[in-house]
């Protein structure tokens, strides 16, 4: 199970890229990319996509995107291995 969770981002990248290709949607996918905007905390989603006209905006392999100069991605995917309650520190109670 752990190996699958580790490979999950690659599976999702493959699935989104395959879907875009089959639907003839121009897409540029970015992984391990930092998005920065002045006055806002950086974000590092697992995968981000620029679609259609935006696909030519950012080159594949770009490590840092300055959102003061470039548009935000059209699709952002964050893969969580925990629940929101776990992330917030709230324990799940067993149902009795």
Foldseek 3Di string as FASTA:
>chain_A
DVVCLVCVLVVVVVVVVVVCVVVVKQKAKEAQAWEDEPPDDIDHARMFMAIHPRRVVDDYPHRYHYCVPHPGGPDGHHDDPDDPCVVVVHDDDDDD
